[in-house]
């Protein structure tokens, strides 16, 4: 069964040039974070709930190449997806993850 949802007109996409912290994250309904595949652990260590992200990454890495991680973090259970892309990937290639 395929279900189509009505188009959302008020979606805001932002790409801030600052360090992401829990306070900033709580201002949004969801987040997609794209990290460099080559420096994945360093990038994850700088995120809110870093210990959780590093544990998920290491568990997934034991099963093969990691392309995505997802979790609900913060007290409001905000859905967050972390995607991994080559550092040389174009903006379009990062969105294709």
PDB file of N, CA and C in Angstrom:
ATOM      1  N   UNK A   1       0.843  -1.173   0.000  1.00  0.00           N
ATOM      2  CA  UNK A   1       0.000   0.000   0.000  1.00  0.00           C
ATOM      3  C   UNK A   1       0.891   1.240   0.000  1.00  0.00           C
ATOM      4  N   UNK A   2       0.579   2.183  -0.845  1.00  0.00           N
ATOM      5  CA  UNK A   2       1.312   3.444  -0.927  1.00  0.00           C
ATOM      6  C   UNK A   2       0.391   4.552  -0.462  1.00  0.00           C
ATOM      7  N   UNK A   3       0.895   5.367   0.426  1.00  0.00           N
ATOM      8  CA  UNK A   3       0.102   6.490   0.924  1.00  0.00           C
ATOM      9  C   UNK A   3       0.852   7.778   0.633  1.00  0.00           C
ATOM     10  N   UNK A   4       0.210   8.680  -0.055  1.00  0.00           N
ATOM     11  CA  UNK A   4       0.815   9.970  -0.370  1.00  0.00           C
ATOM     12  C   UNK A   4       0.305  11.007   0.612  1.00  0.00           C
ATOM     13  N   UNK A   5       1.230  11.784   1.115  1.00  0.00           N
ATOM     14  CA  UNK A   5       0.864  12.837   2.048  1.00  0.00           C
ATOM     15  C   UNK A   5       0.729  14.151   1.300  1.00  0.00           C
ATOM     16  N   UNK A   6      -0.111  15.036   1.793  1.00  0.00           N
ATOM     17  CA  UNK A   6      -0.236  16.339   1.123  1.00  0.00           C
ATOM     18  C   UNK A   6       1.075  17.109   1.216  1.00  0.00           C
ATOM     19  N   UNK A   7       1.318  17.948   0.242  1.00  0.00           N
ATOM     20  CA  UNK A   7       2.550  18.740   0.196  1.00  0.00           C
ATOM     21  C   UNK A   7       2.608  19.693   1.378  1.00  0.00           C
ATOM     22  N   UNK A   8       3.758  19.787   1.969  1.00  0.00           N
ATOM     23  CA  UNK A   8       3.986  20.735   3.061  1.00  0.00           C
ATOM     24  C   UNK A   8       4.586  22.003   2.474  1.00  0.00           C
ATOM     25  N   UNK A   9       4.010  23.120   2.731  1.00  0.00           N
ATOM     26  CA  UNK A   9       4.468  24.373   2.147  1.00  0.00           C
ATOM     27  C   UNK A   9       5.441  25.132   3.053  1.00  0.00           C
ATOM     28  N   UNK A  10       5.421  24.868   4.346  1.00  0.00           N
ATOM     29  CA  UNK A  10       6.202  25.682   5.267  1.00  0.00           C
ATOM     30  C   UNK A  10       7.481  25.010   5.745  1.00  0.00           C
ATOM     31  N   UNK A  11       8.088  24.183   4.935  1.00  0.00           N
ATOM     32  CA  UNK A  11       9.301  23.492   5.352  1.00  0.00           C
ATOM     33  C   UNK A  11      10.487  24.431   5.223  1.00  0.00           C
ATOM     34  N   UNK A  12      11.261  24.511   6.288  1.00  0.00           N
ATOM     35  CA  UNK A  12      12.428  25.390   6.297  1.00  0.00           C
ATOM     36  C   UNK A  12      13.677  24.517   6.366  1.00  0.00           C
ATOM     37  N   UNK A  13      14.594  24.736   5.460  1.00  0.00           N
ATOM     38  CA  UNK A  13      15.864  24.038   5.442  1.00  0.00           C
ATOM     39  C   UNK A  13      16.943  25.053   5.747  1.00  0.00           C
ATOM     40  N   UNK A  14      17.779  24.735   6.737  1.00  0.00           N
ATOM     41  CA  UNK A  14      18.839  25.667   7.074  1.00  0.00           C
ATOM     42  C   UNK A  14      20.164  24.929   7.183  1.00  0.00           C
ATOM     43  N   UNK A  15      21.212  25.643   6.925  1.00  0.00           N
ATOM     44  CA  UNK A  15      22.560  25.098   7.011  1.00  0.00           C
ATOM     45  C   UNK A  15      23.404  26.082   7.813  1.00  0.00           C
ATOM     46  N   UNK A  16      23.280  26.013   9.131  1.00  0.00           N
ATOM     47  CA  UNK A  16      24.022  26.973   9.950  1.00  0.00           C
ATOM     48  C   UNK A  16      25.518  26.691   9.933  1.00  0.00           C
ATOM     49  N   UNK A  17      26.283  27.714  10.123  1.00  0.00           N
ATOM     50  CA  UNK A  17      27.741  27.605  10.142  1.00  0.00           C
ATOM     51  C   UNK A  17      28.260  27.632  11.578  1.00  0.00           C
ATOM     52  N   UNK A  18      27.520  27.078  12.508  1.00  0.00           N
ATOM     53  CA  UNK A  18      27.898  27.086  13.918  1.00  0.00           C
ATOM     54  C   UNK A  18      27.913  25.654  14.446  1.00  0.00           C
ATOM     55  N   UNK A  19      28.464  25.503  15.630  1.00  0.00           N
ATOM     56  CA  UNK A  19      28.474  24.206  16.294  1.00  0.00           C
ATOM     57  C   UNK A  19      27.048  23.833  16.683  1.00  0.00           C
ATOM     58  N   UNK A  20      26.634  22.633  16.375  1.00  0.00           N
ATOM     59  CA  UNK A  20      25.297  22.165  16.731  1.00  0.00           C
ATOM     60  C   UNK A  20      25.299  21.745  18.190  1.00  0.00           C
ATOM     61  N   UNK A  21      24.377  22.285  18.968  1.00  0.00           N
ATOM     62  CA  UNK A  21      24.268  21.876  20.362  1.00  0.00           C
ATOM     63  C   UNK A  21      22.827  21.479  20.658  1.00  0.00           C
ATOM     64  N   UNK A  22      22.582  20.943  21.835  1.00  0.00           N
ATOM     65  CA  UNK A  22      21.254  20.451  22.193  1.00  0.00           C
ATOM     66  C   UNK A  22      20.216  21.568  22.181  1.00  0.00           C
ATOM     67  N   UNK A  23      20.599  22.748  22.593  1.00  0.00           N
ATOM     68  CA  UNK A  23      19.667  23.880  22.609  1.00  0.00           C
ATOM     69  C   UNK A  23      19.206  24.239  21.190  1.00  0.00           C
ATOM     70  N   UNK A  24      20.145  24.284  20.265  1.00  0.00           N
ATOM     71  CA  UNK A  24      19.807  24.572  18.875  1.00  0.00           C
ATOM     72  C   UNK A  24      18.919  23.472  18.302  1.00  0.00           C
ATOM     73  N   UNK A  25      19.248  22.245  18.614  1.00  0.00           N
ATOM     74  CA  UNK A  25      18.493  21.103  18.100  1.00  0.00           C
ATOM     75  C   UNK A  25      17.045  21.133  18.572  1.00  0.00           C
ATOM     76  N   UNK A  26      16.810  21.554  19.802  1.00  0.00           N
ATOM     77  CA  UNK A  26      15.451  21.566  20.341  1.00  0.00           C
ATOM     78  C   UNK A  26      14.558  22.623  19.692  1.00  0.00           C
ATOM     79  N   UNK A  27      15.112  23.521  18.915  1.00  0.00           N
ATOM     80  CA  UNK A  27      14.326  24.533  18.223  1.00  0.00           C
ATOM     81  C   UNK A  27      13.677  23.988  16.953  1.00  0.00           C
ATOM     82  N   UNK A  28      14.003  22.741  16.591  1.00  0.00           N
ATOM     83  CA  UNK A  28      13.512  22.152  15.342  1.00  0.00           C
ATOM     84  C   UNK A  28      12.703  20.891  15.612  1.00  0.00           C
ATOM     85  N   UNK A  29      11.885  20.527  14.650  1.00  0.00           N
ATOM     86  CA  UNK A  29      11.071  19.320  14.768  1.00  0.00           C
ATOM     87  C   UNK A  29      11.859  18.060  14.428  1.00  0.00           C
ATOM     88  N   UNK A  30      12.901  18.206  13.620  1.00  0.00           N
ATOM     89  CA  UNK A  30      13.733  17.082  13.203  1.00  0.00           C
ATOM     90  C   UNK A  30      15.026  17.651  12.637  1.00  0.00           C
ATOM     91  N   UNK A  31      16.011  16.778  12.467  1.00  0.00           N
ATOM     92  CA  UNK A  31      17.281  17.246  11.912  1.00  0.00           C
ATOM     93  C   UNK A  31      17.928  16.155  11.076  1.00  0.00           C
ATOM     94  N   UNK A  32      18.593  16.602  10.016  1.00  0.00           N
ATOM     95  CA  UNK A  32      19.434  15.732   9.193  1.00  0.00           C
ATOM     96  C   UNK A  32      20.823  16.342   9.232  1.00  0.00           C
ATOM     97  N   UNK A  33      21.775  15.543   9.645  1.00  0.00           N
ATOM     98  CA  UNK A  33      23.155  16.003   9.768  1.00  0.00           C
ATOM     99  C   UNK A  33      24.009  15.179   8.819  1.00  0.00           C
ATOM    100  N   UNK A  34      24.793  15.840   7.982  1.00  0.00           N
ATOM    101  CA  UNK A  34      25.681  15.135   7.051  1.00  0.00           C
ATOM    102  C   UNK A  34      27.109  15.327   7.535  1.00  0.00           C
ATOM    103  N   UNK A  35      27.790  14.205   7.752  1.00  0.00           N
ATOM    104  CA  UNK A  35      29.171  14.214   8.246  1.00  0.00           C
ATOM    105  C   UNK A  35      30.094  13.599   7.206  1.00  0.00           C
ATOM    106  N   UNK A  36      31.337  13.965   7.298  1.00  0.00           N
ATOM    107  CA  UNK A  36      32.362  13.379   6.439  1.00  0.00           C
ATOM    108  C   UNK A  36      32.573  11.918   6.826  1.00  0.00           C
ATOM    109  N   UNK A  37      32.517  11.042   5.858  1.00  0.00           N
ATOM    110  CA  UNK A  37      32.727   9.612   6.109  1.00  0.00           C
ATOM    111  C   UNK A  37      34.143   9.357   6.617  1.00  0.00           C
ATOM    112  N   UNK A  38      35.099  10.118   6.102  1.00  0.00           N
ATOM    113  CA  UNK A  38      36.502   9.905   6.455  1.00  0.00           C
ATOM    114  C   UNK A  38      36.807  10.305   7.909  1.00  0.00           C
ATOM    115  N   UNK A  39      36.042  11.206   8.466  1.00  0.00           N
ATOM    116  CA  UNK A  39      36.274  11.687   9.836  1.00  0.00           C
ATOM    117  C   UNK A  39      35.015  11.488  10.682  1.00  0.00           C
ATOM    118  N   UNK A  40      34.354  10.363  10.490  1.00  0.00           N
ATOM    119  CA  UNK A  40      33.054  10.120  11.122  1.00  0.00           C
ATOM    120  C   UNK A  40      33.103  10.204  12.641  1.00  0.00           C
ATOM    121  N   UNK A  41      34.033   9.520  13.260  1.00  0.00           N
ATOM    122  CA  UNK A  41      34.061   9.503  14.728  1.00  0.00           C
ATOM    123  C   UNK A  41      34.364  10.883  15.304  1.00  0.00           C
ATOM    124  N   UNK A  42      35.233  11.638  14.663  1.00  0.00           N
ATOM    125  CA  UNK A  42      35.529  12.999  15.129  1.00  0.00           C
ATOM    126  C   UNK A  42      34.279  13.872  15.051  1.00  0.00           C
ATOM    127  N   UNK A  43      33.536  13.750  13.963  1.00  0.00           N
ATOM    128  CA  UNK A  43      32.313  14.544  13.783  1.00  0.00           C
ATOM    129  C   UNK A  43      31.244  14.138  14.800  1.00  0.00           C
ATOM    130  N   UNK A  44      31.078  12.849  15.003  1.00  0.00           N
ATOM    131  CA  UNK A  44      30.072  12.376  15.954  1.00  0.00           C
ATOM    132  C   UNK A  44      30.397  12.809  17.377  1.00  0.00           C
ATOM    133  N   UNK A  45      31.662  12.888  17.707  1.00  0.00           N
ATOM    134  CA  UNK A  45      32.080  13.291  19.051  1.00  0.00           C
ATOM    135  C   UNK A  45      31.710  14.736  19.364  1.00  0.00           C
ATOM    136  N   UNK A  46      31.416  15.532  18.343  1.00  0.00           N
ATOM    137  CA  UNK A  46      31.063  16.941  18.531  1.00  0.00           C
ATOM    138  C   UNK A  46      29.555  17.183  18.580  1.00  0.00           C
ATOM    139  N   UNK A  47      28.763  16.132  18.355  1.00  0.00           N
ATOM    140  CA  UNK A  47      27.310  16.277  18.326  1.00  0.00           C
ATOM    141  C   UNK A  47      26.707  16.168  19.716  1.00  0.00           C
ATOM    142  N   UNK A  48      25.492  16.718  19.901  1.00  0.00           N
ATOM    143  CA  UNK A  48      24.772  16.458  21.147  1.00  0.00           C
ATOM    144  C   UNK A  48      24.532  14.951  21.269  1.00  0.00           C
ATOM    145  N   UNK A  49      24.602  14.426  22.465  1.00  0.00           N
ATOM    146  CA  UNK A  49      24.458  12.987  22.720  1.00  0.00           C
ATOM    147  C   UNK A  49      25.571  12.202  22.023  1.00  0.00           C
ATOM    148  N   UNK A  50      26.778  12.730  22.069  1.00  0.00           N
ATOM    149  CA  UNK A  50      27.919  12.133  21.367  1.00  0.00           C
ATOM    150  C   UNK A  50      28.150  10.678  21.745  1.00  0.00           C
ATOM    151  N   UNK A  51      28.021  10.345  23.007  1.00  0.00           N
ATOM    152  CA  UNK A  51      28.260   8.961  23.437  1.00  0.00           C
ATOM    153  C   UNK A  51      27.297   8.001  22.744  1.00  0.00           C
ATOM    154  N   UNK A  52      26.044   8.406  22.613  1.00  0.00           N
ATOM    155  CA  UNK A  52      25.052   7.580  21.919  1.00  0.00           C
ATOM    156  C   UNK A  52      25.419   7.394  20.448  1.00  0.00           C
ATOM    157  N   UNK A  53      25.750   8.497  19.769  1.00  0.00           N
ATOM    158  CA  UNK A  53      26.088   8.423  18.342  1.00  0.00           C
ATOM    159  C   UNK A  53      27.325   7.546  18.112  1.00  0.00           C
ATOM    160  N   UNK A  54      28.326   7.692  18.965  1.00  0.00           N
ATOM    161  CA  UNK A  54      29.541   6.886  18.805  1.00  0.00           C
ATOM    162  C   UNK A  54      29.252   5.411  19.028  1.00  0.00           C
ATOM    163  N   UNK A  55      28.421   5.098  20.007  1.00  0.00           N
ATOM    164  CA  UNK A  55      28.061   3.685  20.248  1.00  0.00           C
ATOM    165  C   UNK A  55      27.295   3.113  19.059  1.00  0.00           C
ATOM    166  N   UNK A  56      26.315   3.865  18.551  1.00  0.00           N
ATOM    167  CA  UNK A  56      25.554   3.402  17.384  1.00  0.00           C
ATOM    168  C   UNK A  56      26.466   3.211  16.171  1.00  0.00           C
ATOM    169  N   UNK A  57      27.385   4.164  15.971  1.00  0.00           N
ATOM    170  CA  UNK A  57      28.302   4.090  14.828  1.00  0.00           C
ATOM    171  C   UNK A  57      29.199   2.858  14.921  1.00  0.00           C
ATOM    172  N   UNK A  58      29.773   2.633  16.083  1.00  0.00           N
ATOM    173  CA  UNK A  58      30.686   1.489  16.244  1.00  0.00           C
ATOM    174  C   UNK A  58      29.954   0.162  16.107  1.00  0.00           C
ATOM    175  N   UNK A  59      28.731   0.080  16.628  1.00  0.00           N
ATOM    176  CA  UNK A  59      27.930  -1.139  16.461  1.00  0.00           C
ATOM    177  C   UNK A  59      27.617  -1.388  14.992  1.00  0.00           C
ATOM    178  N   UNK A  60      27.225  -0.338  14.279  1.00  0.00           N
ATOM    179  CA  UNK A  60      26.887  -0.470  12.859  1.00  0.00           C
ATOM    180  C   UNK A  60      28.129  -0.778  12.020  1.00  0.00           C
ATOM    181  N   UNK A  61      29.251  -0.163  12.362  1.00  0.00           N
ATOM    182  CA  UNK A  61      30.492  -0.378  11.612  1.00  0.00           C
ATOM    183  C   UNK A  61      30.944  -1.835  11.695  1.00  0.00           C
ATOM    184  N   UNK A  62      30.644  -2.512  12.790  1.00  0.00           N
ATOM    185  CA  UNK A  62      30.994  -3.929  12.920  1.00  0.00           C
ATOM    186  C   UNK A  62      30.232  -4.798  11.921  1.00  0.00           C
ATOM    187  N   UNK A  63      29.121  -4.297  11.417  1.00  0.00           N
ATOM    188  CA  UNK A  63      28.306  -5.042  10.443  1.00  0.00           C
ATOM    189  C   UNK A  63      28.610  -4.651   8.997  1.00  0.00           C
ATOM    190  N   UNK A  64      29.388  -3.589   8.783  1.00  0.00           N
ATOM    191  CA  UNK A  64      29.710  -3.159   7.425  1.00  0.00           C
ATOM    192  C   UNK A  64      29.808  -1.649   7.342  1.00  0.00           C
ATOM    193  N   UNK A  65      29.840  -1.143   6.113  1.00  0.00           N
ATOM    194  CA  UNK A  65      29.959   0.299   5.896  1.00  0.00           C
ATOM    195  C   UNK A  65      28.722   1.022   6.421  1.00  0.00           C
ATOM    196  N   UNK A  66      28.932   2.112   7.110  1.00  0.00           N
ATOM    197  CA  UNK A  66      27.840   2.876   7.704  1.00  0.00           C
ATOM    198  C   UNK A  66      27.511   4.056   6.798  1.00  0.00           C
ATOM    199  N   UNK A  67      26.253   4.152   6.389  1.00  0.00           N
ATOM    200  CA  UNK A  67      25.825   5.282   5.570  1.00  0.00           C
ATOM    201  C   UNK A  67      24.848   6.191   6.311  1.00  0.00           C
ATOM    202  N   UNK A  68      24.075   5.621   7.240  1.00  0.00           N
ATOM    203  CA  UNK A  68      23.085   6.385   7.997  1.00  0.00           C
ATOM    204  C   UNK A  68      22.979   5.873   9.424  1.00  0.00           C
ATOM    205  N   UNK A  69      22.724   6.791  10.325  1.00  0.00           N
ATOM    206  CA  UNK A  69      22.347   6.455  11.695  1.00  0.00           C
ATOM    207  C   UNK A  69      21.109   7.273  12.014  1.00  0.00           C
ATOM    208  N   UNK A  70      20.225   6.738  12.830  1.00  0.00           N
ATOM    209  CA  UNK A  70      19.069   7.524  13.241  1.00  0.00           C
ATOM    210  C   UNK A  70      18.742   7.223  14.694  1.00  0.00           C
ATOM    211  N   UNK A  71      18.267   8.232  15.375  1.00  0.00           N
ATOM    212  CA  UNK A  71      17.879   8.086  16.776  1.00  0.00           C
ATOM    213  C   UNK A  71      16.957   9.244  17.136  1.00  0.00           C
ATOM    214  N   UNK A  72      16.250   9.073  18.219  1.00  0.00           N
ATOM    215  CA  UNK A  72      15.429  10.159  18.777  1.00  0.00           C
ATOM    216  C   UNK A  72      16.146  10.622  20.030  1.00  0.00           C
ATOM    217  N   UNK A  73      16.624  11.855  19.981  1.00  0.00           N
ATOM    218  CA  UNK A  73      17.384  12.366  21.111  1.00  0.00           C
ATOM    219  C   UNK A  73      16.697  13.585  21.705  1.00  0.00           C
ATOM    220  N   UNK A  74      17.182  14.074  22.772  1.00  0.00           N
ATOM    221  CA  UNK A  74      16.664  15.179  23.569  1.00  0.00           C
ATOM    222  C   UNK A  74      15.425  14.721  24.346  1.00  0.00           C
ATOM    223  N   UNK A  75      15.013  15.516  25.278  1.00  0.00           N
ATOM    224  CA  UNK A  75      13.864  15.174  26.119  1.00  0.00           C
ATOM    225  C   UNK A  75      12.565  15.120  25.319  1.00  0.00           C
ATOM    226  N   UNK A  76      12.522  15.796  24.178  1.00  0.00           N
ATOM    227  CA  UNK A  76      11.330  15.798  23.317  1.00  0.00           C
ATOM    228  C   UNK A  76      11.355  14.692  22.267  1.00  0.00           C
ATOM    229  N   UNK A  77      12.365  13.834  22.291  1.00  0.00           N
ATOM    230  CA  UNK A  77      12.515  12.730  21.336  1.00  0.00           C
ATOM    231  C   UNK A  77      12.522  13.222  19.893  1.00  0.00           C
ATOM    232  N   UNK A  78      13.320  14.247  19.620  1.00  0.00           N
ATOM    233  CA  UNK A  78      13.433  14.804  18.275  1.00  0.00           C
ATOM    234  C   UNK A  78      14.128  13.790  17.375  1.00  0.00           C
ATOM    235  N   UNK A  79      13.522  13.439  16.227  1.00  0.00           N
ATOM    236  CA  UNK A  79      14.185  12.495  15.319  1.00  0.00           C
ATOM    237  C   UNK A  79      15.379  13.159  14.627  1.00  0.00           C
ATOM    238  N   UNK A  80      16.503  12.481  14.687  1.00  0.00           N
ATOM    239  CA  UNK A  80      17.727  12.985  14.082  1.00  0.00           C
ATOM    240  C   UNK A  80      18.328  11.877  13.231  1.00  0.00           C
ATOM    241  N   UNK A  81      18.731  12.223  12.026  1.00  0.00           N
ATOM    242  CA  UNK A  81      19.411  11.297  11.124  1.00  0.00           C
ATOM    243  C   UNK A  81      20.793  11.860  10.848  1.00  0.00           C
ATOM    244  N   UNK A  82      21.801  11.013  10.984  1.00  0.00           N
ATOM    245  CA  UNK A  82      23.159  11.388  10.636  1.00  0.00           C
ATOM    246  C   UNK A  82      23.536  10.579   9.405  1.00  0.00           C
ATOM    247  N   UNK A  83      23.863  11.270   8.328  1.00  0.00           N
ATOM    248  CA  UNK A  83      24.279  10.625   7.084  1.00  0.00           C
ATOM    249  C   UNK A  83      25.780  10.831   6.909  1.00  0.00           C
ATOM    250  N   UNK A  84      26.427   9.875   6.280  1.00  0.00           N
ATOM    251  CA  UNK A  84      27.864   9.956   6.054  1.00  0.00           C
ATOM    252  C   UNK A  84      28.123  10.010   4.555  1.00  0.00           C
ATOM    253  N   UNK A  85      28.916  10.975   4.137  1.00  0.00           N
ATOM    254  CA  UNK A  85      29.237  11.152   2.725  1.00  0.00           C
ATOM    255  C   UNK A  85      30.727  11.412   2.591  1.00  0.00           C
ATOM    256  N   UNK A  86      31.251  11.151   1.417  1.00  0.00           N
ATOM    257  CA  UNK A  86      32.648  11.479   1.150  1.00  0.00           C
ATOM    258  C   UNK A  86      32.828  12.982   1.301  1.00  0.00           C
ATOM    259  N   UNK A  87      33.982  13.384   1.769  1.00  0.00           N
ATOM    260  CA  UNK A  87      34.225  14.818   1.952  1.00  0.00           C
ATOM    261  C   UNK A  87      34.229  15.562   0.623  1.00  0.00           C
ATOM    262  N   UNK A  88      34.426  14.847  -0.484  1.00  0.00           N
ATOM    263  CA  UNK A  88      34.434  15.471  -1.809  1.00  0.00           C
ATOM    264  C   UNK A  88      33.061  15.446  -2.479  1.00  0.00           C
ATOM    265  N   UNK A  89      32.036  14.931  -1.790  1.00  0.00           N
ATOM    266  CA  UNK A  89      30.706  14.806  -2.394  1.00  0.00           C
ATOM    267  C   UNK A  89      30.071  16.182  -2.594  1.00  0.00           C
ATOM    268  N   UNK A  90      29.358  16.326  -3.688  1.00  0.00           N
ATOM    269  CA  UNK A  90      28.641  17.577  -3.957  1.00  0.00           C
ATOM    270  C   UNK A  90      27.423  17.657  -3.052  1.00  0.00           C
ATOM    271  N   UNK A  91      26.819  18.826  -2.983  1.00  0.00           N
ATOM    272  CA  UNK A  91      25.611  19.005  -2.168  1.00  0.00           C
ATOM    273  C   UNK A  91      24.518  18.042  -2.621  1.00  0.00           C
ATOM    274  N   UNK A  92      24.364  17.853  -3.916  1.00  0.00           N
ATOM    275  CA  UNK A  92      23.372  16.933  -4.451  1.00  0.00           C
ATOM    276  C   UNK A  92      23.667  15.506  -4.004  1.00  0.00           C
ATOM    277  N   UNK A  93      24.924  15.085  -4.081  1.00  0.00           N
ATOM    278  CA  UNK A  93      25.294  13.729  -3.666  1.00  0.00           C
ATOM    279  C   UNK A  93      25.031  13.524  -2.171  1.00  0.00           C
ATOM    280  N   UNK A  94      25.229  14.560  -1.367  1.00  0.00           N
ATOM    281  CA  UNK A  94      24.953  14.444   0.072  1.00  0.00           C
ATOM    282  C   UNK A  94      23.466  14.240   0.318  1.00  0.00           C
ATOM    283  N   UNK A  95      22.619  14.898  -0.453  1.00  0.00           N
ATOM    284  CA  UNK A  95      21.176  14.735  -0.304  1.00  0.00           C
ATOM    285  C   UNK A  95      20.699  13.366  -0.776  1.00  0.00           C
ATOM    286  N   UNK A  96      21.440  12.731  -1.645  1.00  0.00           N
ATOM    287  CA  UNK A  96      21.040  11.420  -2.168  1.00  0.00           C
ATOM    288  C   UNK A  96      21.266  10.298  -1.152  1.00  0.00           C
ATOM    289  N   UNK A  97      21.951  10.551  -0.078  1.00  0.00           N
ATOM    290  CA  UNK A  97      22.203   9.548   0.967  1.00  0.00           C
ATOM    291  C   UNK A  97      20.906   9.177   1.545  1.00  0.00           C
TER     292      UNK A  97
END
